[in-house]
């Protein structure tokens, strides 16, 4: 079970805030599987429209992906300027070329003051959000990325468009059945 539940004051949410279905991803910006599922999520959002709200929580696997934590902190800096999803998309769309230099370039492209993630005090603020997401993942039973939750329940199927669409539809049917 998801711990804590979705919270619009702390989570990054895309889509209709009143949607019937909530999909939460615990992801790592350097995880190749997360990058593979990224376009599938975009397609799912397009197909489900206002019925779906999607949230992303950080789960950087530093032992496998040395830039994952840094990328997460950079997206949190972007979030300070309401540009989280722009940075999220830039990173996943360019994951093969991810480097410290590319993260700085993305920040410049989005007109983000790099001191929001390079200044030690600012870095620590962003890091605390990333750590909070990671800890919520641990409490929720996340052990790898990507991990999804549909309406608070852990999704154990294939992390692809068809599997996630089926899980969302089943969740919607169970809500309608009451």
C-alpha atoms as a PDB file:
ATOM      1  CA  UNK A   1       0.000   0.000   0.000  1.00  0.00           C
ATOM      2  CA  UNK A   2       1.199   3.478  -0.863  1.00  0.00           C
ATOM      3  CA  UNK A   3       2.682   5.440   2.050  1.00  0.00           C
ATOM      4  CA  UNK A   4       1.939   8.342   2.138  1.00  0.00           C
ATOM      5  CA  UNK A   5      -1.054   8.880  -0.110  1.00  0.00           C
ATOM      6  CA  UNK A   6      -0.897  11.430  -2.889  1.00  0.00           C
ATOM      7  CA  UNK A   7      -0.551  14.962  -1.572  1.00  0.00           C
ATOM      8  CA  UNK A   8      -0.884  17.888  -3.977  1.00  0.00           C
ATOM      9  CA  UNK A   9       1.177  20.097  -1.669  1.00  0.00           C
ATOM     10  CA  UNK A  10       4.269  17.883  -1.986  1.00  0.00           C
ATOM     11  CA  UNK A  11       3.818  15.610  -5.005  1.00  0.00           C
ATOM     12  CA  UNK A  12       4.417  16.531  -8.640  1.00  0.00           C
ATOM     13  CA  UNK A  13       1.081  15.894 -10.334  1.00  0.00           C
ATOM     14  CA  UNK A  14       0.220  16.034 -14.008  1.00  0.00           C
ATOM     15  CA  UNK A  15      -3.345  15.860 -15.250  1.00  0.00           C
ATOM     16  CA  UNK A  16      -6.767  16.452 -13.785  1.00  0.00           C
ATOM     17  CA  UNK A  17      -6.560  16.885 -10.016  1.00  0.00           C
ATOM     18  CA  UNK A  18     -10.055  15.397  -9.686  1.00  0.00           C
ATOM     19  CA  UNK A  19      -9.377  12.367 -11.895  1.00  0.00           C
ATOM     20  CA  UNK A  20     -10.812   8.999 -10.921  1.00  0.00           C
ATOM     21  CA  UNK A  21      -7.511   7.199 -11.430  1.00  0.00           C
ATOM     22  CA  UNK A  22      -4.219   8.117  -9.792  1.00  0.00           C
ATOM     23  CA  UNK A  23      -1.021   6.608 -11.160  1.00  0.00           C
ATOM     24  CA  UNK A  24       2.150   7.163  -9.153  1.00  0.00           C
ATOM     25  CA  UNK A  25       5.581   6.225 -10.435  1.00  0.00           C
ATOM     26  CA  UNK A  26       8.634   5.793  -8.260  1.00  0.00           C
ATOM     27  CA  UNK A  27      11.379   6.425 -10.763  1.00  0.00           C
ATOM     28  CA  UNK A  28      15.061   7.060 -11.306  1.00  0.00           C
ATOM     29  CA  UNK A  29      16.125   9.506 -14.018  1.00  0.00           C
ATOM     30  CA  UNK A  30      19.048   7.304 -15.059  1.00  0.00           C
ATOM     31  CA  UNK A  31      17.137   4.000 -15.014  1.00  0.00           C
ATOM     32  CA  UNK A  32      16.866   2.599 -18.566  1.00  0.00           C
ATOM     33  CA  UNK A  33      13.545   0.886 -17.731  1.00  0.00           C
ATOM     34  CA  UNK A  34      12.102   4.213 -16.534  1.00  0.00           C
ATOM     35  CA  UNK A  35      13.175   5.787 -19.824  1.00  0.00           C
ATOM     36  CA  UNK A  36      11.555   2.917 -21.741  1.00  0.00           C
ATOM     37  CA  UNK A  37       8.236   3.368 -19.939  1.00  0.00           C
ATOM     38  CA  UNK A  38       8.321   7.185 -20.220  1.00  0.00           C
ATOM     39  CA  UNK A  39       6.659   7.318 -23.695  1.00  0.00           C
ATOM     40  CA  UNK A  40       4.176   4.644 -22.562  1.00  0.00           C
ATOM     41  CA  UNK A  41       3.085   6.914 -19.693  1.00  0.00           C
ATOM     42  CA  UNK A  42       2.728   9.832 -22.111  1.00  0.00           C
ATOM     43  CA  UNK A  43       0.522   7.679 -24.333  1.00  0.00           C
ATOM     44  CA  UNK A  44      -1.516   6.516 -21.313  1.00  0.00           C
ATOM     45  CA  UNK A  45      -2.059  10.138 -20.276  1.00  0.00           C
ATOM     46  CA  UNK A  46      -3.229  10.983 -23.778  1.00  0.00           C
ATOM     47  CA  UNK A  47      -5.629   8.038 -23.999  1.00  0.00           C
ATOM     48  CA  UNK A  48      -7.098   8.414 -20.508  1.00  0.00           C
ATOM     49  CA  UNK A  49      -7.288  12.206 -20.620  1.00  0.00           C
ATOM     50  CA  UNK A  50      -9.115  13.762 -17.665  1.00  0.00           C
ATOM     51  CA  UNK A  51      -9.671  10.370 -16.035  1.00  0.00           C
ATOM     52  CA  UNK A  52      -5.983  10.111 -15.035  1.00  0.00           C
ATOM     53  CA  UNK A  53      -3.694  12.056 -12.774  1.00  0.00           C
ATOM     54  CA  UNK A  54      -0.052  11.038 -12.793  1.00  0.00           C
ATOM     55  CA  UNK A  55       2.535  11.716 -10.116  1.00  0.00           C
ATOM     56  CA  UNK A  56       6.270  11.096 -10.092  1.00  0.00           C
ATOM     57  CA  UNK A  57       8.234  10.366  -6.939  1.00  0.00           C
ATOM     58  CA  UNK A  58      12.002  10.118  -6.804  1.00  0.00           C
ATOM     59  CA  UNK A  59      13.648   6.773  -6.146  1.00  0.00           C
ATOM     60  CA  UNK A  60      17.270   7.284  -7.238  1.00  0.00           C
ATOM     61  CA  UNK A  61      19.301   4.079  -7.198  1.00  0.00           C
ATOM     62  CA  UNK A  62      22.695   5.671  -6.650  1.00  0.00           C
ATOM     63  CA  UNK A  63      24.577   2.389  -6.491  1.00  0.00           C
ATOM     64  CA  UNK A  64      23.514   1.691 -10.098  1.00  0.00           C
ATOM     65  CA  UNK A  65      23.043   5.186 -11.505  1.00  0.00           C
ATOM     66  CA  UNK A  66      25.612   7.767 -10.361  1.00  0.00           C
ATOM     67  CA  UNK A  67      23.716  10.783 -11.785  1.00  0.00           C
ATOM     68  CA  UNK A  68      20.243   9.775 -10.589  1.00  0.00           C
ATOM     69  CA  UNK A  69      20.375  11.722  -7.341  1.00  0.00           C
ATOM     70  CA  UNK A  70      21.815  14.805  -9.010  1.00  0.00           C
ATOM     71  CA  UNK A  71      19.137  14.673 -11.724  1.00  0.00           C
ATOM     72  CA  UNK A  72      16.424  14.381  -9.066  1.00  0.00           C
ATOM     73  CA  UNK A  73      17.796  17.424  -7.228  1.00  0.00           C
ATOM     74  CA  UNK A  74      17.859  19.391 -10.495  1.00  0.00           C
ATOM     75  CA  UNK A  75      14.194  18.542 -11.158  1.00  0.00           C
ATOM     76  CA  UNK A  76      13.358  19.778  -7.669  1.00  0.00           C
ATOM     77  CA  UNK A  77      15.094  23.055  -8.485  1.00  0.00           C
ATOM     78  CA  UNK A  78      12.952  23.232 -11.634  1.00  0.00           C
ATOM     79  CA  UNK A  79       9.877  22.561  -9.495  1.00  0.00           C
ATOM     80  CA  UNK A  80      10.585  25.745  -7.544  1.00  0.00           C
ATOM     81  CA  UNK A  81       9.743  27.595 -10.764  1.00  0.00           C
ATOM     82  CA  UNK A  82       6.838  25.319 -11.790  1.00  0.00           C
ATOM     83  CA  UNK A  83       9.044  23.634 -14.400  1.00  0.00           C
ATOM     84  CA  UNK A  84       9.290  20.153 -12.911  1.00  0.00           C
ATOM     85  CA  UNK A  85       7.540  18.407 -15.800  1.00  0.00           C
ATOM     86  CA  UNK A  86       9.599  20.259 -18.424  1.00  0.00           C
ATOM     87  CA  UNK A  87      12.814  19.122 -16.724  1.00  0.00           C
ATOM     88  CA  UNK A  88      11.414  15.611 -16.152  1.00  0.00           C
ATOM     89  CA  UNK A  89      10.686  15.300 -19.875  1.00  0.00           C
ATOM     90  CA  UNK A  90      14.023  16.782 -20.988  1.00  0.00           C
ATOM     91  CA  UNK A  91      15.962  14.348 -18.826  1.00  0.00           C
ATOM     92  CA  UNK A  92      14.073  11.244 -19.956  1.00  0.00           C
ATOM     93  CA  UNK A  93      14.100  12.293 -23.614  1.00  0.00           C
ATOM     94  CA  UNK A  94      17.879  12.767 -23.449  1.00  0.00           C
ATOM     95  CA  UNK A  95      18.771  10.066 -20.939  1.00  0.00           C
ATOM     96  CA  UNK A  96      21.372   8.417 -23.176  1.00  0.00           C
ATOM     97  CA  UNK A  97      23.379  11.642 -23.094  1.00  0.00           C
ATOM     98  CA  UNK A  98      22.839  12.463 -19.419  1.00  0.00           C
ATOM     99  CA  UNK A  99      25.813  14.148 -17.761  1.00  0.00           C
ATOM    100  CA  UNK A 100      26.450  16.949 -15.306  1.00  0.00           C
ATOM    101  CA  UNK A 101      27.004  19.238 -18.280  1.00  0.00           C
ATOM    102  CA  UNK A 102      23.675  18.279 -19.850  1.00  0.00           C
ATOM    103  CA  UNK A 103      21.849  18.894 -16.555  1.00  0.00           C
ATOM    104  CA  UNK A 104      23.348  22.394 -16.438  1.00  0.00           C
ATOM    105  CA  UNK A 105      22.421  22.934 -20.087  1.00  0.00           C
ATOM    106  CA  UNK A 106      18.824  21.816 -19.426  1.00  0.00           C
ATOM    107  CA  UNK A 107      18.619  24.249 -16.507  1.00  0.00           C
ATOM    108  CA  UNK A 108      19.842  27.049 -18.756  1.00  0.00           C
ATOM    109  CA  UNK A 109      17.330  26.085 -21.471  1.00  0.00           C
ATOM    110  CA  UNK A 110      14.512  26.313 -18.920  1.00  0.00           C
ATOM    111  CA  UNK A 111      15.886  29.564 -17.468  1.00  0.00           C
ATOM    112  CA  UNK A 112      16.530  28.013 -14.057  1.00  0.00           C
ATOM    113  CA  UNK A 113      19.028  29.677 -11.757  1.00  0.00           C
ATOM    114  CA  UNK A 114      21.662  26.978 -11.207  1.00  0.00           C
ATOM    115  CA  UNK A 115      22.264  28.224  -7.669  1.00  0.00           C
ATOM    116  CA  UNK A 116      18.963  26.477  -6.816  1.00  0.00           C
ATOM    117  CA  UNK A 117      20.913  23.207  -6.993  1.00  0.00           C
ATOM    118  CA  UNK A 118      24.585  24.204  -6.748  1.00  0.00           C
ATOM    119  CA  UNK A 119      24.495  26.387  -3.630  1.00  0.00           C
ATOM    120  CA  UNK A 120      24.978  24.031  -0.621  1.00  0.00           C
ATOM    121  CA  UNK A 121      21.998  25.411   1.327  1.00  0.00           C
ATOM    122  CA  UNK A 122      19.698  25.252  -1.707  1.00  0.00           C
ATOM    123  CA  UNK A 123      21.015  21.804  -2.649  1.00  0.00           C
ATOM    124  CA  UNK A 124      20.152  20.482   0.810  1.00  0.00           C
ATOM    125  CA  UNK A 125      16.576  21.805   0.519  1.00  0.00           C
ATOM    126  CA  UNK A 126      16.073  19.977  -2.787  1.00  0.00           C
ATOM    127  CA  UNK A 127      17.829  16.878  -1.482  1.00  0.00           C
ATOM    128  CA  UNK A 128      15.431  16.639   1.471  1.00  0.00           C
ATOM    129  CA  UNK A 129      12.457  16.320  -0.923  1.00  0.00           C
ATOM    130  CA  UNK A 130      14.241  13.586  -2.884  1.00  0.00           C
ATOM    131  CA  UNK A 131      15.100  11.721   0.334  1.00  0.00           C
ATOM    132  CA  UNK A 132      11.492  12.068   1.519  1.00  0.00           C
ATOM    133  CA  UNK A 133      10.246  10.508  -1.732  1.00  0.00           C
ATOM    134  CA  UNK A 134      12.797   7.705  -1.467  1.00  0.00           C
ATOM    135  CA  UNK A 135      11.797   6.945   2.130  1.00  0.00           C
ATOM    136  CA  UNK A 136       8.117   6.888   1.167  1.00  0.00           C
ATOM    137  CA  UNK A 137       9.042   4.367  -1.517  1.00  0.00           C
ATOM    138  CA  UNK A 138      10.791   2.160   1.022  1.00  0.00           C
ATOM    139  CA  UNK A 139       7.716   2.319   3.301  1.00  0.00           C
ATOM    140  CA  UNK A 140       5.511   1.468   0.321  1.00  0.00           C
ATOM    141  CA  UNK A 141       7.499  -1.638  -0.616  1.00  0.00           C
ATOM    142  CA  UNK A 142       9.398  -0.223  -3.587  1.00  0.00           C
ATOM    143  CA  UNK A 143      12.539  -2.214  -4.326  1.00  0.00           C
ATOM    144  CA  UNK A 144      13.376  -1.107  -7.853  1.00  0.00           C
ATOM    145  CA  UNK A 145      12.416   1.239 -10.633  1.00  0.00           C
ATOM    146  CA  UNK A 146      10.054   1.873 -12.162  1.00  0.00           C
ATOM    147  CA  UNK A 147       7.441   0.928  -9.573  1.00  0.00           C
ATOM    148  CA  UNK A 148       3.839   2.010 -10.040  1.00  0.00           C
ATOM    149  CA  UNK A 149       0.830   2.407  -7.790  1.00  0.00           C
ATOM    150  CA  UNK A 150      -2.702   2.601  -9.196  1.00  0.00           C
ATOM    151  CA  UNK A 151      -5.106   4.257  -6.772  1.00  0.00           C
ATOM    152  CA  UNK A 152      -2.758   3.438  -3.906  1.00  0.00           C
ATOM    153  CA  UNK A 153      -2.234  -0.237  -4.758  1.00  0.00           C
ATOM    154  CA  UNK A 154       1.110  -1.532  -5.987  1.00  0.00           C
ATOM    155  CA  UNK A 155       0.998  -2.583  -9.626  1.00  0.00           C
ATOM    156  CA  UNK A 156       2.902  -5.820 -10.228  1.00  0.00           C
ATOM    157  CA  UNK A 157       2.280  -6.302 -13.945  1.00  0.00           C
ATOM    158  CA  UNK A 158       4.330  -5.345 -16.975  1.00  0.00           C
ATOM    159  CA  UNK A 159       5.229  -1.654 -16.835  1.00  0.00           C
ATOM    160  CA  UNK A 160       4.010  -0.875 -20.339  1.00  0.00           C
ATOM    161  CA  UNK A 161       1.065   0.892 -21.927  1.00  0.00           C
ATOM    162  CA  UNK A 162      -1.227  -2.148 -22.197  1.00  0.00           C
ATOM    163  CA  UNK A 163      -0.547  -3.409 -18.686  1.00  0.00           C
ATOM    164  CA  UNK A 164      -0.956  -0.008 -17.057  1.00  0.00           C
ATOM    165  CA  UNK A 165      -4.082   0.777 -19.102  1.00  0.00           C
ATOM    166  CA  UNK A 166      -5.620  -2.533 -18.028  1.00  0.00           C
ATOM    167  CA  UNK A 167      -4.782  -1.831 -14.372  1.00  0.00           C
ATOM    168  CA  UNK A 168      -6.309   1.644 -14.611  1.00  0.00           C
ATOM    169  CA  UNK A 169      -9.449   0.285 -16.280  1.00  0.00           C
ATOM    170  CA  UNK A 170      -9.834  -2.455 -13.657  1.00  0.00           C
ATOM    171  CA  UNK A 171      -9.452   0.127 -10.918  1.00  0.00           C
ATOM    172  CA  UNK A 172     -12.082   2.314 -12.576  1.00  0.00           C
ATOM    173  CA  UNK A 173     -14.493  -0.625 -12.878  1.00  0.00           C
ATOM    174  CA  UNK A 174     -14.035  -1.561  -9.229  1.00  0.00           C
ATOM    175  CA  UNK A 175     -14.770   2.049  -8.218  1.00  0.00           C
ATOM    176  CA  UNK A 176     -17.934   2.045 -10.344  1.00  0.00           C
ATOM    177  CA  UNK A 177     -19.040  -1.287  -8.846  1.00  0.00           C
ATOM    178  CA  UNK A 178     -18.682   0.320  -5.448  1.00  0.00           C
END
